[in-house]
């Protein structure tokens, strides 16, 4: 599936997760660690997205757990 085949909501979620990933890397995680954590906790991150948390708020919550 090409990027432009995604519905806008799915693309927004992917973009949001990419921002969270970048924040994890900025906090000291490797890119692989950041991606693995988001994949392992995909349901939690999806919930945070739909609850309206910013990527910064979600990253902070995840890092504080």
PDB file of N, CA and C in Angstrom:
ATOM      1  N   UNK A   1       0.852  -1.183   0.000  1.00  0.00           N
ATOM      2  CA  UNK A   1       0.000   0.000   0.000  1.00  0.00           C
ATOM      3  C   UNK A   1       0.894   1.240   0.000  1.00  0.00           C
ATOM      4  N   UNK A   2       0.704   2.107  -0.934  1.00  0.00           N
ATOM      5  CA  UNK A   2       1.470   3.344  -1.018  1.00  0.00           C
ATOM      6  C   UNK A   2       0.979   4.328   0.038  1.00  0.00           C
ATOM      7  N   UNK A   3       1.866   5.232   0.424  1.00  0.00           N
ATOM      8  CA  UNK A   3       1.526   6.199   1.460  1.00  0.00           C
ATOM      9  C   UNK A   3       0.237   6.951   1.128  1.00  0.00           C
ATOM     10  N   UNK A   4       0.070   7.352  -0.111  1.00  0.00           N
ATOM     11  CA  UNK A   4      -1.117   8.123  -0.467  1.00  0.00           C
ATOM     12  C   UNK A   4      -2.356   7.250  -0.627  1.00  0.00           C
ATOM     13  N   UNK A   5      -2.241   5.932  -0.420  1.00  0.00           N
ATOM     14  CA  UNK A   5      -3.411   5.051  -0.412  1.00  0.00           C
ATOM     15  C   UNK A   5      -4.065   4.995   0.973  1.00  0.00           C
ATOM     16  N   UNK A   6      -3.409   5.547   1.967  1.00  0.00           N
ATOM     17  CA  UNK A   6      -3.929   5.515   3.336  1.00  0.00           C
ATOM     18  C   UNK A   6      -5.000   6.582   3.512  1.00  0.00           C
ATOM     19  N   UNK A   7      -5.976   6.263   4.353  1.00  0.00           N
ATOM     20  CA  UNK A   7      -6.968   7.286   4.651  1.00  0.00           C
ATOM     21  C   UNK A   7      -6.307   8.353   5.528  1.00  0.00           C
ATOM     22  N   UNK A   8      -6.833   9.567   5.526  1.00  0.00           N
ATOM     23  CA  UNK A   8      -6.197  10.668   6.259  1.00  0.00           C
ATOM     24  C   UNK A   8      -5.999  10.391   7.750  1.00  0.00           C
ATOM     25  N   UNK A   9      -6.946   9.705   8.368  1.00  0.00           N
ATOM     26  CA  UNK A   9      -6.840   9.420   9.807  1.00  0.00           C
ATOM     27  C   UNK A   9      -5.678   8.466  10.089  1.00  0.00           C
ATOM     28  N   UNK A  10      -5.538   7.439   9.272  1.00  0.00           N
ATOM     29  CA  UNK A  10      -4.428   6.500   9.440  1.00  0.00           C
ATOM     30  C   UNK A  10      -3.107   7.194   9.205  1.00  0.00           C
ATOM     31  N   UNK A  11      -3.048   8.040   8.184  1.00  0.00           N
ATOM     32  CA  UNK A  11      -1.811   8.775   7.911  1.00  0.00           C
ATOM     33  C   UNK A  11      -1.474   9.705   9.073  1.00  0.00           C
ATOM     34  N   UNK A  12      -2.480  10.332   9.661  1.00  0.00           N
ATOM     35  CA  UNK A  12      -2.255  11.217  10.800  1.00  0.00           C
ATOM     36  C   UNK A  12      -1.687  10.434  11.990  1.00  0.00           C
ATOM     37  N   UNK A  13      -2.203   9.227  12.224  1.00  0.00           N
ATOM     38  CA  UNK A  13      -1.698   8.385  13.307  1.00  0.00           C
ATOM     39  C   UNK A  13      -0.235   8.006  13.053  1.00  0.00           C
ATOM     40  N   UNK A  14       0.075   7.625  11.833  1.00  0.00           N
ATOM     41  CA  UNK A  14       1.458   7.265  11.488  1.00  0.00           C
ATOM     42  C   UNK A  14       2.384   8.462  11.677  1.00  0.00           C
ATOM     43  N   UNK A  15       1.965   9.617  11.224  1.00  0.00           N
ATOM     44  CA  UNK A  15       2.778  10.829  11.380  1.00  0.00           C
ATOM     45  C   UNK A  15       2.982  11.156  12.855  1.00  0.00           C
ATOM     46  N   UNK A  16       1.920  10.994  13.654  1.00  0.00           N
ATOM     47  CA  UNK A  16       1.972  11.263  15.087  1.00  0.00           C
ATOM     48  C   UNK A  16       2.971  10.322  15.756  1.00  0.00           C
ATOM     49  N   UNK A  17       2.907   9.034  15.399  1.00  0.00           N
ATOM     50  CA  UNK A  17       3.842   8.055  15.958  1.00  0.00           C
ATOM     51  C   UNK A  17       5.283   8.369  15.552  1.00  0.00           C
ATOM     52  N   UNK A  18       5.469   8.875  14.348  1.00  0.00           N
ATOM     53  CA  UNK A  18       6.809   9.264  13.907  1.00  0.00           C
ATOM     54  C   UNK A  18       7.352  10.396  14.770  1.00  0.00           C
ATOM     55  N   UNK A  19       6.487  11.305  15.166  1.00  0.00           N
ATOM     56  CA  UNK A  19       6.912  12.394  16.052  1.00  0.00           C
ATOM     57  C   UNK A  19       7.281  11.849  17.429  1.00  0.00           C
ATOM     58  N   UNK A  20       6.488  10.913  17.945  1.00  0.00           N
ATOM     59  CA  UNK A  20       6.803  10.281  19.229  1.00  0.00           C
ATOM     60  C   UNK A  20       8.157   9.569  19.129  1.00  0.00           C
ATOM     61  N   UNK A  21       8.346   8.847  18.048  1.00  0.00           N
ATOM     62  CA  UNK A  21       9.599   8.132  17.812  1.00  0.00           C
ATOM     63  C   UNK A  21      10.787   9.095  17.861  1.00  0.00           C
ATOM     64  N   UNK A  22      10.670  10.227  17.202  1.00  0.00           N
ATOM     65  CA  UNK A  22      11.747  11.227  17.195  1.00  0.00           C
ATOM     66  C   UNK A  22      12.019  11.750  18.602  1.00  0.00           C
ATOM     67  N   UNK A  23      10.980  11.903  19.399  1.00  0.00           N
ATOM     68  CA  UNK A  23      11.160  12.361  20.779  1.00  0.00           C
ATOM     69  C   UNK A  23      11.884  11.320  21.620  1.00  0.00           C
ATOM     70  N   UNK A  24      11.584  10.046  21.395  1.00  0.00           N
ATOM     71  CA  UNK A  24      12.295   8.976  22.098  1.00  0.00           C
ATOM     72  C   UNK A  24      13.774   8.998  21.738  1.00  0.00           C
ATOM     73  N   UNK A  25      14.068   9.183  20.467  1.00  0.00           N
ATOM     74  CA  UNK A  25      15.455   9.239  20.014  1.00  0.00           C
ATOM     75  C   UNK A  25      16.155  10.451  20.639  1.00  0.00           C
ATOM     76  N   UNK A  26      15.470  11.577  20.686  1.00  0.00           N
ATOM     77  CA  UNK A  26      16.042  12.776  21.305  1.00  0.00           C
ATOM     78  C   UNK A  26      16.314  12.561  22.791  1.00  0.00           C
ATOM     79  N   UNK A  27      15.532  11.673  23.420  1.00  0.00           N
ATOM     80  CA  UNK A  27      15.706  11.383  24.845  1.00  0.00           C
ATOM     81  C   UNK A  27      16.776  10.323  25.089  1.00  0.00           C
ATOM     82  N   UNK A  28      17.369   9.789  24.013  1.00  0.00           N
ATOM     83  CA  UNK A  28      18.481   8.866  24.193  1.00  0.00           C
ATOM     84  C   UNK A  28      18.275   7.451  23.684  1.00  0.00           C
ATOM     85  N   UNK A  29      17.082   7.128  23.209  1.00  0.00           N
ATOM     86  CA  UNK A  29      16.841   5.787  22.663  1.00  0.00           C
ATOM     87  C   UNK A  29      17.434   5.694  21.258  1.00  0.00           C
ATOM     88  N   UNK A  30      17.776   4.502  20.854  1.00  0.00           N
ATOM     89  CA  UNK A  30      18.157   4.318  19.457  1.00  0.00           C
ATOM     90  C   UNK A  30      16.883   4.297  18.630  1.00  0.00           C
ATOM     91  N   UNK A  31      17.019   4.483  17.339  1.00  0.00           N
ATOM     92  CA  UNK A  31      15.851   4.432  16.474  1.00  0.00           C
ATOM     93  C   UNK A  31      15.179   3.061  16.564  1.00  0.00           C
ATOM     94  N   UNK A  32      15.987   2.002  16.602  1.00  0.00           N
ATOM     95  CA  UNK A  32      15.437   0.646  16.710  1.00  0.00           C
ATOM     96  C   UNK A  32      14.680   0.461  18.019  1.00  0.00           C
ATOM     97  N   UNK A  33      15.227   0.981  19.121  1.00  0.00           N
ATOM     98  CA  UNK A  33      14.542   0.874  20.420  1.00  0.00           C
ATOM     99  C   UNK A  33      13.225   1.644  20.405  1.00  0.00           C
ATOM    100  N   UNK A  34      13.248   2.847  19.830  1.00  0.00           N
ATOM    101  CA  UNK A  34      12.036   3.669  19.769  1.00  0.00           C
ATOM    102  C   UNK A  34      10.957   2.963  18.956  1.00  0.00           C
ATOM    103  N   UNK A  35      11.336   2.435  17.810  1.00  0.00           N
ATOM    104  CA  UNK A  35      10.361   1.745  16.957  1.00  0.00           C
ATOM    105  C   UNK A  35       9.823   0.497  17.644  1.00  0.00           C
ATOM    106  N   UNK A  36      10.699  -0.263  18.275  1.00  0.00           N
ATOM    107  CA  UNK A  36      10.266  -1.488  18.945  1.00  0.00           C
ATOM    108  C   UNK A  36       9.278  -1.165  20.065  1.00  0.00           C
ATOM    109  N   UNK A  37       9.565  -0.112  20.825  1.00  0.00           N
ATOM    110  CA  UNK A  37       8.661   0.247  21.925  1.00  0.00           C
ATOM    111  C   UNK A  37       7.288   0.662  21.395  1.00  0.00           C
ATOM    112  N   UNK A  38       7.268   1.465  20.362  1.00  0.00           N
ATOM    113  CA  UNK A  38       5.990   1.909  19.802  1.00  0.00           C
ATOM    114  C   UNK A  38       5.226   0.714  19.240  1.00  0.00           C
ATOM    115  N   UNK A  39       5.927  -0.190  18.565  1.00  0.00           N
ATOM    116  CA  UNK A  39       5.258  -1.381  18.026  1.00  0.00           C
ATOM    117  C   UNK A  39       4.711  -2.269  19.135  1.00  0.00           C
ATOM    118  N   UNK A  40       5.491  -2.449  20.218  1.00  0.00           N
ATOM    119  CA  UNK A  40       5.056  -3.294  21.330  1.00  0.00           C
ATOM    120  C   UNK A  40       3.868  -2.693  22.065  1.00  0.00           C
ATOM    121  N   UNK A  41       3.796  -1.384  22.080  1.00  0.00           N
ATOM    122  CA  UNK A  41       2.733  -0.685  22.804  1.00  0.00           C
ATOM    123  C   UNK A  41       1.775   0.028  21.846  1.00  0.00           C
ATOM    124  N   UNK A  42       1.599  -0.534  20.668  1.00  0.00           N
ATOM    125  CA  UNK A  42       0.808   0.127  19.617  1.00  0.00           C
ATOM    126  C   UNK A  42      -0.600   0.488  20.074  1.00  0.00           C
ATOM    127  N   UNK A  43      -1.242  -0.414  20.803  1.00  0.00           N
ATOM    128  CA  UNK A  43      -2.612  -0.133  21.247  1.00  0.00           C
ATOM    129  C   UNK A  43      -2.635   1.062  22.199  1.00  0.00           C
ATOM    130  N   UNK A  44      -1.679   1.112  23.124  1.00  0.00           N
ATOM    131  CA  UNK A  44      -1.617   2.229  24.078  1.00  0.00           C
ATOM    132  C   UNK A  44      -1.380   3.545  23.338  1.00  0.00           C
ATOM    133  N   UNK A  45      -0.422   3.549  22.403  1.00  0.00           N
ATOM    134  CA  UNK A  45      -0.141   4.774  21.658  1.00  0.00           C
ATOM    135  C   UNK A  45      -1.326   5.196  20.797  1.00  0.00           C
ATOM    136  N   UNK A  46      -2.014   4.235  20.204  1.00  0.00           N
ATOM    137  CA  UNK A  46      -3.199   4.550  19.404  1.00  0.00           C
ATOM    138  C   UNK A  46      -4.258   5.200  20.292  1.00  0.00           C
ATOM    139  N   UNK A  47      -4.436   4.665  21.492  1.00  0.00           N
ATOM    140  CA  UNK A  47      -5.395   5.260  22.432  1.00  0.00           C
ATOM    141  C   UNK A  47      -5.011   6.703  22.757  1.00  0.00           C
ATOM    142  N   UNK A  48      -3.722   6.950  22.964  1.00  0.00           N
ATOM    143  CA  UNK A  48      -3.272   8.302  23.301  1.00  0.00           C
ATOM    144  C   UNK A  48      -3.538   9.261  22.148  1.00  0.00           C
ATOM    145  N   UNK A  49      -3.322   8.779  20.934  1.00  0.00           N
ATOM    146  CA  UNK A  49      -3.592   9.591  19.743  1.00  0.00           C
ATOM    147  C   UNK A  49      -5.064   9.983  19.699  1.00  0.00           C
ATOM    148  N   UNK A  50      -5.941   9.003  19.873  1.00  0.00           N
ATOM    149  CA  UNK A  50      -7.376   9.274  19.781  1.00  0.00           C
ATOM    150  C   UNK A  50      -7.909  10.056  20.986  1.00  0.00           C
ATOM    151  N   UNK A  51      -7.179  10.015  22.102  1.00  0.00           N
ATOM    152  CA  UNK A  51      -7.573  10.823  23.262  1.00  0.00           C
ATOM    153  C   UNK A  51      -7.095  12.266  23.119  1.00  0.00           C
ATOM    154  N   UNK A  52      -6.322  12.529  22.063  1.00  0.00           N
ATOM    155  CA  UNK A  52      -5.920  13.903  21.788  1.00  0.00           C
ATOM    156  C   UNK A  52      -4.599  14.344  22.386  1.00  0.00           C
ATOM    157  N   UNK A  53      -3.824  13.401  22.910  1.00  0.00           N
ATOM    158  CA  UNK A  53      -2.531  13.801  23.446  1.00  0.00           C
ATOM    159  C   UNK A  53      -1.605  14.229  22.313  1.00  0.00           C
ATOM    160  N   UNK A  54      -0.776  15.194  22.604  1.00  0.00           N
ATOM    161  CA  UNK A  54       0.241  15.586  21.636  1.00  0.00           C
ATOM    162  C   UNK A  54       1.335  14.522  21.654  1.00  0.00           C
ATOM    163  N   UNK A  55       2.157  14.463  20.625  1.00  0.00           N
ATOM    164  CA  UNK A  55       3.280  13.523  20.660  1.00  0.00           C
ATOM    165  C   UNK A  55       4.167  13.739  21.887  1.00  0.00           C
ATOM    166  N   UNK A  56       4.349  15.001  22.264  1.00  0.00           N
ATOM    167  CA  UNK A  56       5.170  15.319  23.431  1.00  0.00           C
ATOM    168  C   UNK A  56       4.566  14.755  24.707  1.00  0.00           C
ATOM    169  N   UNK A  57       3.246  14.907  24.857  1.00  0.00           N
ATOM    170  CA  UNK A  57       2.562  14.393  26.048  1.00  0.00           C
ATOM    171  C   UNK A  57       2.635  12.866  26.106  1.00  0.00           C
ATOM    172  N   UNK A  58       2.446  12.225  24.960  1.00  0.00           N
ATOM    173  CA  UNK A  58       2.490  10.760  24.923  1.00  0.00           C
ATOM    174  C   UNK A  58       3.894  10.254  25.209  1.00  0.00           C
ATOM    175  N   UNK A  59       4.900  10.895  24.633  1.00  0.00           N
ATOM    176  CA  UNK A  59       6.278  10.470  24.882  1.00  0.00           C
ATOM    177  C   UNK A  59       6.639  10.642  26.339  1.00  0.00           C
ATOM    178  N   UNK A  60       6.239  11.761  26.916  1.00  0.00           N
ATOM    179  CA  UNK A  60       6.525  12.002  28.333  1.00  0.00           C
ATOM    180  C   UNK A  60       5.849  10.962  29.205  1.00  0.00           C
ATOM    181  N   UNK A  61       4.598  10.646  28.920  1.00  0.00           N
ATOM    182  CA  UNK A  61       3.870   9.623  29.688  1.00  0.00           C
ATOM    183  C   UNK A  61       4.544   8.261  29.545  1.00  0.00           C
ATOM    184  N   UNK A  62       4.961   7.919  28.344  1.00  0.00           N
ATOM    185  CA  UNK A  62       5.608   6.624  28.129  1.00  0.00           C
ATOM    186  C   UNK A  62       6.964   6.560  28.820  1.00  0.00           C
ATOM    187  N   UNK A  63       7.708   7.632  28.802  1.00  0.00           N
ATOM    188  CA  UNK A  63       9.029   7.647  29.423  1.00  0.00           C
ATOM    189  C   UNK A  63       8.949   7.653  30.952  1.00  0.00           C
ATOM    190  N   UNK A  64       7.829   8.116  31.482  1.00  0.00           N
ATOM    191  CA  UNK A  64       7.672   8.174  32.937  1.00  0.00           C
ATOM    192  C   UNK A  64       7.105   6.890  33.520  1.00  0.00           C
ATOM    193  N   UNK A  65       6.722   5.929  32.668  1.00  0.00           N
ATOM    194  CA  UNK A  65       6.190   4.649  33.169  1.00  0.00           C
ATOM    195  C   UNK A  65       7.293   3.705  33.529  1.00  0.00           C
TER     196      UNK A  65
END
